[in-house]
Amino acid sequence: MLLLDAIDRGLMALGESVMESIYYHLEKTYSIKRDEIPDRLEDFSSGLERMFGTGGKVMEKLIVEELHSRLGSKFEERAGHSFADCVNEAKARYRRTV
């Protein structure tokens, strides 16, 4: 799935062991498994914010930029749009299984 691949690549910016630690922490602390993230975008976003504070927003931006890159488009940041909003807009625009 494109979205999960984009999430992997975005989190990989911190290194593979950190990415694995994030997934482990999300599952153990917030009961969010990696394959559930597409259906739990807001929970995922909240988990990143709790783990990294404002740094979670930076990670979300990396993920959304990677997603758009994989879709062949350019991400344009909009004020007031959440991570879930950005992903859902990409899903609607490209009508793919993101």
N, C-alpha and C. Protein backbone atom coordinates (compact mmCIF):
# COMPACT_ATOMS: atom_id res chain seq x y z
N MET A 1 0.85 -1.17 0.00
CA MET A 1 0.00 0.00 0.00
C MET A 1 0.89 1.24 0.00
N LEU A 2 0.56 2.19 -0.83
CA LEU A 2 1.38 3.40 -0.97
C LEU A 2 1.54 4.17 0.33
N LEU A 3 0.47 4.29 1.08
CA LEU A 3 0.55 5.07 2.32
C LEU A 3 1.52 4.44 3.31
N LEU A 4 1.43 3.14 3.51
CA LEU A 4 2.33 2.48 4.46
C LEU A 4 3.78 2.57 3.99
N ASP A 5 4.00 2.47 2.69
CA ASP A 5 5.36 2.63 2.15
C ASP A 5 5.86 4.05 2.41
N ALA A 6 4.99 5.04 2.23
CA ALA A 6 5.37 6.43 2.48
C ALA A 6 5.66 6.66 3.96
N ILE A 7 4.89 6.04 4.83
CA ILE A 7 5.12 6.16 6.27
C ILE A 7 6.47 5.54 6.62
N ASP A 8 6.73 4.35 6.08
CA ASP A 8 8.03 3.72 6.32
C ASP A 8 9.17 4.63 5.91
N ARG A 9 9.07 5.19 4.72
CA ARG A 9 10.15 6.05 4.21
C ARG A 9 10.29 7.32 5.03
N GLY A 10 9.17 7.90 5.44
CA GLY A 10 9.23 9.10 6.27
C GLY A 10 9.87 8.84 7.62
N LEU A 11 9.49 7.75 8.25
CA LEU A 11 10.06 7.40 9.55
C LEU A 11 11.51 6.93 9.41
N MET A 12 11.85 6.36 8.27
CA MET A 12 13.21 5.88 8.02
C MET A 12 14.21 7.02 8.02
N ALA A 13 13.74 8.25 7.86
CA ALA A 13 14.65 9.40 7.91
C ALA A 13 15.37 9.45 9.26
N LEU A 14 14.78 8.82 10.27
CA LEU A 14 15.38 8.78 11.60
C LEU A 14 16.23 7.53 11.81
N GLY A 15 16.22 6.64 10.82
CA GLY A 15 16.98 5.39 10.92
C GLY A 15 16.05 4.21 11.11
N GLU A 16 16.52 3.05 10.67
CA GLU A 16 15.68 1.86 10.71
C GLU A 16 15.33 1.44 12.14
N SER A 17 16.30 1.49 13.04
CA SER A 17 16.01 1.07 14.41
C SER A 17 15.03 2.02 15.09
N VAL A 18 15.11 3.31 14.77
CA VAL A 18 14.15 4.27 15.34
C VAL A 18 12.76 4.01 14.76
N MET A 19 12.69 3.75 13.46
CA MET A 19 11.40 3.44 12.84
C MET A 19 10.77 2.22 13.52
N GLU A 20 11.56 1.18 13.72
CA GLU A 20 11.04 -0.02 14.37
C GLU A 20 10.59 0.28 15.81
N SER A 21 11.33 1.14 16.49
CA SER A 21 10.96 1.52 17.86
C SER A 21 9.64 2.30 17.88
N ILE A 22 9.46 3.16 16.90
CA ILE A 22 8.21 3.93 16.81
C ILE A 22 7.03 2.99 16.61
N TYR A 23 7.16 2.04 15.67
CA TYR A 23 6.08 1.08 15.44
C TYR A 23 5.81 0.25 16.71
N TYR A 24 6.86 -0.17 17.38
CA TYR A 24 6.71 -0.94 18.61
C TYR A 24 5.96 -0.12 19.67
N HIS A 25 6.39 1.13 19.84
CA HIS A 25 5.76 2.01 20.84
C HIS A 25 4.30 2.29 20.50
N LEU A 26 4.02 2.52 19.23
CA LEU A 26 2.63 2.75 18.81
C LEU A 26 1.76 1.54 19.14
N GLU A 27 2.29 0.35 18.91
CA GLU A 27 1.50 -0.84 19.16
C GLU A 27 1.33 -1.11 20.66
N LYS A 28 2.40 -1.00 21.41
CA LYS A 28 2.34 -1.34 22.84
C LYS A 28 1.64 -0.26 23.67
N THR A 29 1.86 1.00 23.34
CA THR A 29 1.30 2.09 24.14
C THR A 29 -0.08 2.52 23.66
N TYR A 30 -0.29 2.56 22.34
CA TYR A 30 -1.53 3.09 21.78
C TYR A 30 -2.38 2.04 21.06
N SER A 31 -1.93 0.79 21.05
CA SER A 31 -2.64 -0.31 20.40
C SER A 31 -2.90 -0.02 18.92
N ILE A 32 -1.89 0.56 18.26
CA ILE A 32 -1.98 0.85 16.82
C ILE A 32 -0.94 -0.01 16.11
N LYS A 33 -1.41 -1.01 15.39
CA LYS A 33 -0.50 -1.83 14.58
C LYS A 33 -0.21 -1.11 13.28
N ARG A 34 0.95 -1.39 12.71
CA ARG A 34 1.36 -0.73 11.47
C ARG A 34 0.28 -0.83 10.39
N ASP A 35 -0.28 -2.01 10.20
CA ASP A 35 -1.26 -2.18 9.14
C ASP A 35 -2.61 -1.53 9.44
N GLU A 36 -2.80 -1.04 10.66
CA GLU A 36 -4.04 -0.34 11.02
C GLU A 36 -3.95 1.17 10.79
N ILE A 37 -2.74 1.66 10.57
CA ILE A 37 -2.55 3.11 10.45
C ILE A 37 -3.45 3.75 9.39
N PRO A 38 -3.59 3.18 8.19
CA PRO A 38 -4.46 3.84 7.20
C PRO A 38 -5.89 4.07 7.67
N ASP A 39 -6.36 3.22 8.58
CA ASP A 39 -7.72 3.38 9.11
C ASP A 39 -7.76 4.16 10.42
N ARG A 40 -6.57 4.50 10.94
CA ARG A 40 -6.49 5.21 12.22
C ARG A 40 -5.52 6.38 12.13
N LEU A 41 -5.68 7.18 11.09
CA LEU A 41 -4.75 8.28 10.82
C LEU A 41 -4.66 9.27 11.98
N GLU A 42 -5.79 9.61 12.56
CA GLU A 42 -5.78 10.58 13.66
C GLU A 42 -5.09 10.01 14.90
N ASP A 43 -5.31 8.73 15.17
CA ASP A 43 -4.63 8.09 16.30
C ASP A 43 -3.12 8.04 16.06
N PHE A 44 -2.73 7.72 14.84
CA PHE A 44 -1.32 7.68 14.48
C PHE A 44 -0.69 9.06 14.67
N SER A 45 -1.35 10.08 14.18
CA SER A 45 -0.87 11.45 14.31
C SER A 45 -0.73 11.84 15.78
N SER A 46 -1.74 11.49 16.57
CA SER A 46 -1.71 11.79 17.99
C SER A 46 -0.57 11.06 18.69
N GLY A 47 -0.33 9.81 18.31
CA GLY A 47 0.77 9.05 18.87
C GLY A 47 2.11 9.68 18.56
N LEU A 48 2.30 10.12 17.32
CA LEU A 48 3.56 10.78 16.95
C LEU A 48 3.75 12.06 17.75
N GLU A 49 2.67 12.81 17.91
CA GLU A 49 2.76 14.07 18.66
C GLU A 49 3.10 13.81 20.13
N ARG A 50 2.52 12.77 20.69
CA ARG A 50 2.83 12.45 22.09
C ARG A 50 4.27 11.99 22.25
N MET A 51 4.78 11.26 21.26
CA MET A 51 6.15 10.77 21.35
C MET A 51 7.18 11.85 21.09
N PHE A 52 6.90 12.74 20.12
CA PHE A 52 7.91 13.68 19.63
C PHE A 52 7.55 15.15 19.78
N GLY A 53 6.40 15.45 20.37
CA GLY A 53 5.99 16.84 20.48
C GLY A 53 5.81 17.44 19.09
N THR A 54 6.27 18.67 18.91
CA THR A 54 6.12 19.32 17.60
C THR A 54 6.93 18.63 16.52
N GLY A 55 7.92 17.84 16.92
CA GLY A 55 8.69 17.07 15.94
C GLY A 55 7.83 16.06 15.21
N GLY A 56 6.72 15.64 15.82
CA GLY A 56 5.79 14.74 15.16
C GLY A 56 5.20 15.35 13.90
N LYS A 57 4.97 16.67 13.94
CA LYS A 57 4.44 17.37 12.75
C LYS A 57 5.45 17.36 11.61
N VAL A 58 6.72 17.46 11.95
CA VAL A 58 7.78 17.40 10.93
C VAL A 58 7.77 16.03 10.28
N MET A 59 7.63 15.00 11.09
CA MET A 59 7.58 13.64 10.56
C MET A 59 6.35 13.43 9.68
N GLU A 60 5.22 13.98 10.09
CA GLU A 60 4.01 13.88 9.27
C GLU A 60 4.21 14.55 7.91
N LYS A 61 4.87 15.70 7.92
CA LYS A 61 5.13 16.40 6.66
C LYS A 61 6.02 15.57 5.75
N LEU A 62 7.04 14.94 6.31
CA LEU A 62 7.91 14.06 5.51
C LEU A 62 7.10 12.93 4.89
N ILE A 63 6.19 12.37 5.67
CA ILE A 63 5.36 11.26 5.18
C ILE A 63 4.46 11.73 4.05
N VAL A 64 3.80 12.87 4.23
CA VAL A 64 2.87 13.37 3.19
C VAL A 64 3.65 13.75 1.94
N GLU A 65 4.82 14.34 2.09
CA GLU A 65 5.65 14.66 0.92
C GLU A 65 6.05 13.38 0.18
N GLU A 66 6.41 12.35 0.91
CA GLU A 66 6.77 11.06 0.30
C GLU A 66 5.57 10.45 -0.40
N LEU A 67 4.40 10.53 0.21
CA LEU A 67 3.19 10.01 -0.42
C LEU A 67 2.92 10.71 -1.75
N HIS A 68 2.99 12.03 -1.74
CA HIS A 68 2.76 12.78 -2.99
C HIS A 68 3.82 12.46 -4.03
N SER A 69 5.04 12.29 -3.61
CA SER A 69 6.10 11.92 -4.53
C SER A 69 5.79 10.58 -5.21
N ARG A 70 5.32 9.63 -4.44
CA ARG A 70 4.96 8.32 -4.99
C ARG A 70 3.76 8.40 -5.92
N LEU A 71 2.91 9.41 -5.71
CA LEU A 71 1.75 9.60 -6.58
C LEU A 71 2.09 10.45 -7.80
N GLY A 72 3.31 10.98 -7.84
CA GLY A 72 3.73 11.80 -8.97
C GLY A 72 3.22 13.22 -8.89
N SER A 73 2.97 13.71 -7.69
CA SER A 73 2.48 15.08 -7.54
C SER A 73 3.35 15.81 -6.52
N LYS A 74 3.09 17.09 -6.38
CA LYS A 74 3.83 17.90 -5.43
C LYS A 74 2.90 18.27 -4.28
N PHE A 75 3.40 18.10 -3.07
CA PHE A 75 2.61 18.43 -1.89
C PHE A 75 2.62 19.94 -1.68
N GLU A 76 1.43 20.49 -1.50
CA GLU A 76 1.30 21.91 -1.20
C GLU A 76 0.67 22.04 0.18
N GLU A 77 1.46 22.52 1.11
CA GLU A 77 1.01 22.64 2.49
C GLU A 77 -0.07 23.71 2.61
N ARG A 78 -1.11 23.41 3.39
CA ARG A 78 -2.20 24.37 3.61
C ARG A 78 -2.40 24.54 5.11
N ALA A 79 -2.53 25.77 5.52
CA ALA A 79 -2.76 26.06 6.93
C ALA A 79 -4.06 25.41 7.40
N GLY A 80 -4.04 24.86 8.57
CA GLY A 80 -5.23 24.29 9.16
C GLY A 80 -5.56 22.87 8.72
N HIS A 81 -4.76 22.30 7.83
CA HIS A 81 -5.01 20.93 7.38
C HIS A 81 -4.20 19.96 8.23
N SER A 82 -4.87 18.97 8.77
CA SER A 82 -4.21 17.96 9.59
C SER A 82 -3.56 16.91 8.70
N PHE A 83 -2.78 16.05 9.33
CA PHE A 83 -2.18 14.92 8.62
C PHE A 83 -3.26 14.08 7.95
N ALA A 84 -4.31 13.76 8.70
CA ALA A 84 -5.42 12.96 8.16
C ALA A 84 -6.08 13.67 6.98
N ASP A 85 -6.26 14.99 7.08
CA ASP A 85 -6.84 15.76 5.97
C ASP A 85 -5.99 15.62 4.71
N CYS A 86 -4.68 15.76 4.86
CA CYS A 86 -3.77 15.69 3.72
C CYS A 86 -3.80 14.30 3.06
N VAL A 87 -3.79 13.26 3.88
CA VAL A 87 -3.84 11.90 3.34
C VAL A 87 -5.18 11.64 2.66
N ASN A 88 -6.26 12.04 3.30
CA ASN A 88 -7.58 11.82 2.72
C ASN A 88 -7.79 12.60 1.42
N GLU A 89 -7.21 13.80 1.34
CA GLU A 89 -7.27 14.57 0.09
C GLU A 89 -6.52 13.84 -1.02
N ALA A 90 -5.36 13.28 -0.69
CA ALA A 90 -4.59 12.52 -1.69
C ALA A 90 -5.39 11.31 -2.15
N LYS A 91 -6.05 10.63 -1.22
CA LYS A 91 -6.88 9.47 -1.58
C LYS A 91 -8.00 9.89 -2.54
N ALA A 92 -8.66 10.99 -2.22
CA ALA A 92 -9.78 11.45 -3.05
C ALA A 92 -9.31 11.92 -4.42
N ARG A 93 -8.19 12.63 -4.43
CA ARG A 93 -7.69 13.18 -5.68
C ARG A 93 -7.21 12.11 -6.64
N TYR A 94 -6.54 11.12 -6.13
CA TYR A 94 -5.92 10.12 -7.01
C TYR A 94 -6.70 8.83 -7.09
N ARG A 95 -7.76 8.72 -6.31
CA ARG A 95 -8.66 7.58 -6.35
C ARG A 95 -7.91 6.25 -6.45
N ARG A 96 -6.88 6.17 -5.67
CA ARG A 96 -6.08 4.96 -5.58
C ARG A 96 -6.18 4.43 -4.17
N THR A 97 -5.76 3.21 -4.01
CA THR A 97 -5.62 2.67 -2.65
C THR A 97 -4.34 3.26 -2.09
N VAL A 98 -4.48 4.37 -1.41
CA VAL A 98 -3.34 5.05 -0.82
C VAL A 98 -3.14 4.41 0.52
